[in-house]
């Protein structure tokens, strides 16, 4: 199962963890595959499915 995080009040899927405090995330349920590179401190882990 993929890790899901909250960023800017939206749910994103973690695509890749670079291991240096940066992760690549993509907005869930988005037809446009827009990927963002963010710092881990900027996101919150989704603990349960919505």
PDB file of N, CA and C in Angstrom:
ATOM      1  N   UNK A   1       0.836  -1.207   0.000  1.00  0.00           N
ATOM      2  CA  UNK A   1       0.000   0.000   0.000  1.00  0.00           C
ATOM      3  C   UNK A   1       0.867   1.252   0.000  1.00  0.00           C
ATOM      4  N   UNK A   2       0.438   2.222  -0.773  1.00  0.00           N
ATOM      5  CA  UNK A   2       1.207   3.457  -0.866  1.00  0.00           C
ATOM      6  C   UNK A   2       0.952   4.358   0.328  1.00  0.00           C
ATOM      7  N   UNK A   3       1.976   5.108   0.687  1.00  0.00           N
ATOM      8  CA  UNK A   3       1.833   6.071   1.775  1.00  0.00           C
ATOM      9  C   UNK A   3       1.071   7.270   1.273  1.00  0.00           C
ATOM     10  N   UNK A   4       0.179   7.776   2.134  1.00  0.00           N
ATOM     11  CA  UNK A   4      -0.592   8.945   1.758  1.00  0.00           C
ATOM     12  C   UNK A   4      -0.341  10.044   2.776  1.00  0.00           C
ATOM     13  N   UNK A   5      -0.238  11.268   2.285  1.00  0.00           N
ATOM     14  CA  UNK A   5       0.050  12.406   3.150  1.00  0.00           C
ATOM     15  C   UNK A   5      -0.899  13.550   2.830  1.00  0.00           C
ATOM     16  N   UNK A   6      -1.006  14.478   3.775  1.00  0.00           N
ATOM     17  CA  UNK A   6      -1.803  15.674   3.559  1.00  0.00           C
ATOM     18  C   UNK A   6      -0.845  16.845   3.360  1.00  0.00           C
ATOM     19  N   UNK A   7      -1.062  17.593   2.286  1.00  0.00           N
ATOM     20  CA  UNK A   7      -0.260  18.760   1.958  1.00  0.00           C
ATOM     21  C   UNK A   7      -1.223  19.813   1.415  1.00  0.00           C
ATOM     22  N   UNK A   8      -1.212  20.995   2.003  1.00  0.00           N
ATOM     23  CA  UNK A   8      -2.144  22.069   1.595  1.00  0.00           C
ATOM     24  C   UNK A   8      -3.601  21.603   1.639  1.00  0.00           C
ATOM     25  N   UNK A   9      -3.958  20.829   2.678  1.00  0.00           N
ATOM     26  CA  UNK A   9      -5.322  20.323   2.870  1.00  0.00           C
ATOM     27  C   UNK A   9      -5.808  19.423   1.748  1.00  0.00           C
ATOM     28  N   UNK A  10      -4.881  18.847   1.005  1.00  0.00           N
ATOM     29  CA  UNK A  10      -5.242  17.900  -0.049  1.00  0.00           C
ATOM     30  C   UNK A  10      -4.505  16.603   0.196  1.00  0.00           C
ATOM     31  N   UNK A  11      -5.081  15.498  -0.254  1.00  0.00           N
ATOM     32  CA  UNK A  11      -4.436  14.201  -0.064  1.00  0.00           C
ATOM     33  C   UNK A  11      -3.534  13.901  -1.259  1.00  0.00           C
ATOM     34  N   UNK A  12      -2.311  13.531  -0.931  1.00  0.00           N
ATOM     35  CA  UNK A  12      -1.328  13.192  -1.955  1.00  0.00           C
ATOM     36  C   UNK A  12      -0.816  11.781  -1.709  1.00  0.00           C
ATOM     37  N   UNK A  13      -0.344  11.154  -2.771  1.00  0.00           N
ATOM     38  CA  UNK A  13       0.303   9.858  -2.668  1.00  0.00           C
ATOM     39  C   UNK A  13       1.801  10.085  -2.751  1.00  0.00           C
ATOM     40  N   UNK A  14       2.550   9.411  -1.877  1.00  0.00           N
ATOM     41  CA  UNK A  14       4.001   9.535  -1.913  1.00  0.00           C
ATOM     42  C   UNK A  14       4.531   8.662  -3.049  1.00  0.00           C
ATOM     43  N   UNK A  15       5.198   9.284  -4.000  1.00  0.00           N
ATOM     44  CA  UNK A  15       5.743   8.564  -5.154  1.00  0.00           C
ATOM     45  C   UNK A  15       7.138   8.039  -4.822  1.00  0.00           C
ATOM     46  N   UNK A  16       7.949   8.899  -4.231  1.00  0.00           N
ATOM     47  CA  UNK A  16       9.332   8.522  -3.967  1.00  0.00           C
ATOM     48  C   UNK A  16       9.858   9.263  -2.752  1.00  0.00           C
ATOM     49  N   UNK A  17      10.589   8.556  -1.907  1.00  0.00           N
ATOM     50  CA  UNK A  17      11.229   9.169  -0.745  1.00  0.00           C
ATOM     51  C   UNK A  17      12.722   9.217  -1.038  1.00  0.00           C
ATOM     52  N   UNK A  18      13.267  10.416  -1.138  1.00  0.00           N
ATOM     53  CA  UNK A  18      14.679  10.562  -1.480  1.00  0.00           C
ATOM     54  C   UNK A  18      15.601  10.231  -0.304  1.00  0.00           C
ATOM     55  N   UNK A  19      15.036  10.149   0.904  1.00  0.00           N
ATOM     56  CA  UNK A  19      15.842   9.775   2.050  1.00  0.00           C
ATOM     57  C   UNK A  19      16.636  10.912   2.658  1.00  0.00           C
ATOM     58  N   UNK A  20      16.574  12.088   2.058  1.00  0.00           N
ATOM     59  CA  UNK A  20      17.315  13.233   2.591  1.00  0.00           C
ATOM     60  C   UNK A  20      16.354  14.291   3.134  1.00  0.00           C
ATOM     61  N   UNK A  21      15.153  13.834   3.537  1.00  0.00           N
ATOM     62  CA  UNK A  21      14.165  14.773   4.056  1.00  0.00           C
ATOM     63  C   UNK A  21      13.234  15.304   2.993  1.00  0.00           C
ATOM     64  N   UNK A  22      13.443  14.894   1.748  1.00  0.00           N
ATOM     65  CA  UNK A  22      12.567  15.335   0.655  1.00  0.00           C
ATOM     66  C   UNK A  22      11.786  14.152   0.114  1.00  0.00           C
ATOM     67  N   UNK A  23      10.523  14.410  -0.209  1.00  0.00           N
ATOM     68  CA  UNK A  23       9.694  13.366  -0.821  1.00  0.00           C
ATOM     69  C   UNK A  23       8.997  13.925  -2.052  1.00  0.00           C
ATOM     70  N   UNK A  24       8.713  13.034  -2.972  1.00  0.00           N
ATOM     71  CA  UNK A  24       7.978  13.388  -4.184  1.00  0.00           C
ATOM     72  C   UNK A  24       6.547  12.941  -3.987  1.00  0.00           C
ATOM     73  N   UNK A  25       5.598  13.852  -4.191  1.00  0.00           N
ATOM     74  CA  UNK A  25       4.187  13.510  -3.965  1.00  0.00           C
ATOM     75  C   UNK A  25       3.349  13.889  -5.177  1.00  0.00           C
ATOM     76  N   UNK A  26       2.252  13.160  -5.354  1.00  0.00           N
ATOM     77  CA  UNK A  26       1.316  13.457  -6.441  1.00  0.00           C
ATOM     78  C   UNK A  26      -0.088  13.507  -5.880  1.00  0.00           C
ATOM     79  N   UNK A  27      -0.868  14.480  -6.334  1.00  0.00           N
ATOM     80  CA  UNK A  27      -2.236  14.644  -5.843  1.00  0.00           C
ATOM     81  C   UNK A  27      -3.076  13.432  -6.213  1.00  0.00           C
ATOM     82  N   UNK A  28      -3.830  12.943  -5.230  1.00  0.00           N
ATOM     83  CA  UNK A  28      -4.696  11.794  -5.472  1.00  0.00           C
ATOM     84  C   UNK A  28      -5.918  12.194  -6.280  1.00  0.00           C
ATOM     85  N   UNK A  29      -6.428  11.232  -7.041  1.00  0.00           N
ATOM     86  CA  UNK A  29      -7.643  11.425  -7.832  1.00  0.00           C
ATOM     87  C   UNK A  29      -7.528  12.604  -8.789  1.00  0.00           C
ATOM     88  N   UNK A  30      -6.309  12.849  -9.250  1.00  0.00           N
ATOM     89  CA  UNK A  30      -6.093  13.931 -10.208  1.00  0.00           C
ATOM     90  C   UNK A  30      -5.737  13.306 -11.551  1.00  0.00           C
ATOM     91  N   UNK A  31      -6.392  13.753 -12.595  1.00  0.00           N
ATOM     92  CA  UNK A  31      -6.097  13.195 -13.912  1.00  0.00           C
ATOM     93  C   UNK A  31      -4.775  13.762 -14.430  1.00  0.00           C
ATOM     94  N   UNK A  32      -4.394  14.903 -13.908  1.00  0.00           N
ATOM     95  CA  UNK A  32      -3.143  15.526 -14.318  1.00  0.00           C
ATOM     96  C   UNK A  32      -2.024  15.054 -13.391  1.00  0.00           C
ATOM     97  N   UNK A  33      -1.023  14.363 -13.910  1.00  0.00           N
ATOM     98  CA  UNK A  33       0.006  13.767 -13.036  1.00  0.00           C
ATOM     99  C   UNK A  33       1.029  14.797 -12.542  1.00  0.00           C
ATOM    100  N   UNK A  34       0.547  15.747 -11.771  1.00  0.00           N
ATOM    101  CA  UNK A  34       1.406  16.817 -11.284  1.00  0.00           C
ATOM    102  C   UNK A  34       2.156  16.351 -10.045  1.00  0.00           C
ATOM    103  N   UNK A  35       3.471  16.331 -10.140  1.00  0.00           N
ATOM    104  CA  UNK A  35       4.302  15.835  -9.039  1.00  0.00           C
ATOM    105  C   UNK A  35       4.974  17.010  -8.361  1.00  0.00           C
ATOM    106  N   UNK A  36       4.995  16.999  -7.040  1.00  0.00           N
ATOM    107  CA  UNK A  36       5.660  18.052  -6.286  1.00  0.00           C
ATOM    108  C   UNK A  36       6.764  17.462  -5.431  1.00  0.00           C
ATOM    109  N   UNK A  37       7.836  18.218  -5.287  1.00  0.00           N
ATOM    110  CA  UNK A  37       8.940  17.826  -4.421  1.00  0.00           C
ATOM    111  C   UNK A  37       8.860  18.702  -3.179  1.00  0.00           C
ATOM    112  N   UNK A  38       8.638  18.086  -2.029  1.00  0.00           N
ATOM    113  CA  UNK A  38       8.452  18.848  -0.797  1.00  0.00           C
ATOM    114  C   UNK A  38       9.324  18.286   0.319  1.00  0.00           C
ATOM    115  N   UNK A  39       9.480  19.088   1.356  1.00  0.00           N
ATOM    116  CA  UNK A  39      10.200  18.618   2.548  1.00  0.00           C
ATOM    117  C   UNK A  39       9.229  17.821   3.413  1.00  0.00           C
ATOM    118  N   UNK A  40       9.756  16.831   4.108  1.00  0.00           N
ATOM    119  CA  UNK A  40       8.914  15.968   4.933  1.00  0.00           C
ATOM    120  C   UNK A  40       8.168  16.750   6.012  1.00  0.00           C
ATOM    121  N   UNK A  41       8.765  17.839   6.510  1.00  0.00           N
ATOM    122  CA  UNK A  41       8.127  18.619   7.571  1.00  0.00           C
ATOM    123  C   UNK A  41       6.871  19.327   7.071  1.00  0.00           C
ATOM    124  N   UNK A  42       6.723  19.454   5.752  1.00  0.00           N
ATOM    125  CA  UNK A  42       5.577  20.171   5.201  1.00  0.00           C
ATOM    126  C   UNK A  42       4.330  19.303   5.070  1.00  0.00           C
ATOM    127  N   UNK A  43       4.496  18.000   5.250  1.00  0.00           N
ATOM    128  CA  UNK A  43       3.347  17.103   5.050  1.00  0.00           C
ATOM    129  C   UNK A  43       2.990  16.394   6.345  1.00  0.00           C
ATOM    130  N   UNK A  44       1.756  15.899   6.385  1.00  0.00           N
ATOM    131  CA  UNK A  44       1.239  15.156   7.526  1.00  0.00           C
ATOM    132  C   UNK A  44       0.800  13.787   7.005  1.00  0.00           C
ATOM    133  N   UNK A  45       1.163  12.743   7.711  1.00  0.00           N
ATOM    134  CA  UNK A  45       0.814  11.396   7.286  1.00  0.00           C
ATOM    135  C   UNK A  45      -0.679  11.154   7.493  1.00  0.00           C
ATOM    136  N   UNK A  46      -1.302  10.505   6.513  1.00  0.00           N
ATOM    137  CA  UNK A  46      -2.707  10.102   6.656  1.00  0.00           C
ATOM    138  C   UNK A  46      -2.707   8.770   7.388  1.00  0.00           C
ATOM    139  N   UNK A  47      -3.337   8.748   8.564  1.00  0.00           N
ATOM    140  CA  UNK A  47      -3.272   7.536   9.379  1.00  0.00           C
ATOM    141  C   UNK A  47      -4.361   6.532   9.039  1.00  0.00           C
ATOM    142  N   UNK A  48      -5.522   7.023   8.621  1.00  0.00           N
ATOM    143  CA  UNK A  48      -6.591   6.096   8.254  1.00  0.00           C
ATOM    144  C   UNK A  48      -7.203   6.501   6.913  1.00  0.00           C
ATOM    145  N   UNK A  49      -7.811   5.550   6.256  1.00  0.00           N
ATOM    146  CA  UNK A  49      -8.455   5.834   4.970  1.00  0.00           C
ATOM    147  C   UNK A  49      -9.696   6.680   5.184  1.00  0.00           C
ATOM    148  N   UNK A  50      -9.913   7.578   4.268  1.00  0.00           N
ATOM    149  CA  UNK A  50     -11.052   8.495   4.389  1.00  0.00           C
ATOM    150  C   UNK A  50     -12.247   7.911   3.658  1.00  0.00           C
TER     151      UNK A  50
END
